[in-house]
Amino acid sequence: MDDHEIPHHFICPISLQIMKDPVTVATGITYDRESIQRWRSHGQHKTCPVTNQPLPINSGFTPNHNLHRLIESWRLSDHLCPQSNQSSSLQTKVIYSIILEIPQQVTATNLINNLKLLPDLKYESLKSLENLASENENNRVCLKEVGVVEAMITVVVSCYQKCSISGLKEALNVLYLVRLTEHETRSILSKNDRIISSLTWVLDLDDSSNDIFIHTTMKFHAMVLLKDIIREANSHVLERLNRDFFNTIVLILQHLKVNNLEQGIKEVLHVMLSTCMWPRNCSMLIDSGAVFHLVELELGSSEKATTELTMSVLFRLCSSADGRAQLLGHAAGLALITKRIGTVSPKVDEKALMIISLISKFSGTDGVVQEMVRVGTVEKLCNVLQVYGLNSYTRQTARDILKRHLSMWNGSPCLDVTLLTRCLS
């Protein structure tokens, strides 16, 4: 035996000998049965030797049959058949690499079971699950296979119901790390109707604690999860969202803006865009001050993706008279929309012109029309006519706006009437 390297996973952490009967304990660590029984027989030894986590007396041992077979295969191949040592050793390594994943499943399963059966180990189990999820993709796949998503959702909802944040950070981080598929998201919605309320509660948590970073991280992870859930929610779920939900969404937008978390801001904008398709939700967003804060956000934004999302949401909100009034009520509202034309992307040009079209058609008072001249909207519209092709929807939108108020703009001393006429000819 001394001539051959022993795989370290075959060694019992207590006896430091090859395990004869490997068993996995509640903390997910595997020991030789005789060694761990002897350890537990001593009254002062009430913890797992490796993790130092509490090891309840009533918790049993799970036989690790796969590791046992692997050890026996290694014994036979490396010692009983020395003439074929090289080939058999290679075969053992292949088997070893495949079967070694199974103890990880046992570990994860035990940790999840601890959450249900051993409340005293809740935090330690969540921390261990978080560590596993952060290590590599194989672990994350393994965790999902043994039901970690449902277990973490249960923890989040339980924290909400108890108004306790114990274990909340770890559960949200695990969900963030494993990320949800569309199927998993729909399954969450069908099995737990309190998840949206729970995540809204997380977003609304008081930030007066000493560790603002932890609270901000939890809110970011909750926002990512909420975005995934809202994206897959059906109309029945979206139509049941209440005013508190939208107040919280607008507040978290401000919070993330202050902390300069661009990715989190995008998640909020996705939620807004998914929910404001319904007039009732659109109205509640406007009442929560969303238009004003979106303009404030865009005044400091530098990312193309963020601007595209912001303009898409503003277009939806400006389909309402109250939304247009809120935009025009902001001192920089119309000027901001105008400034974005021709400076970001064709998608932004299209949304900006659709917003201006709504304003000119339904809120085009004399004062508003004159402001379009003052902030350069008319000049930008003329530029669009020169840049975009004849059959372009964006070009046609700009042309319609110019023609709609041509008589008033023709008499403006601040405009090049010749240019205006040439553009429309």
Foldseek 3Di string as FASTA:
>chain_A
DVVDDDPQLQAFPQPRDGAQWWWAALQLRIGRPVRVVVQVVDPVRQADPPPRHGGDPPTDIHTPVLVNVLVVQCCCQCPVCVVCNVVSVVVSVVSCVVSVLVSLLVNLLSLLVCVVPPVVCVLVSLVVLLVQLVPDLSSLVSNVVNPLLVSLLVVLVVCQVVVHCRSLLSSLSSCLSSDDDLVRLVVCVVPDVCSLVSLLVLLVDDCPDPCNVSSLSSNLSSLQSNLSNLVNDDPVSLVPDDLSSLLSLQVSLVVCVVVVPVVSNLSSLSNLLSNLVDVVSLVSNVVSVVLVVLLVSLVPDDDLSNLLSSLSSLLSSLLDPSSLVSQVVDPCRLLSLQVPQPPRDPSSLQSSLSSVLSCCVPVVDVVNVVVCLVSVVLVSLLVLLVPDDPPDPSVVSSLVSCVSCVVVVCPDPSDDNVSSVVSND
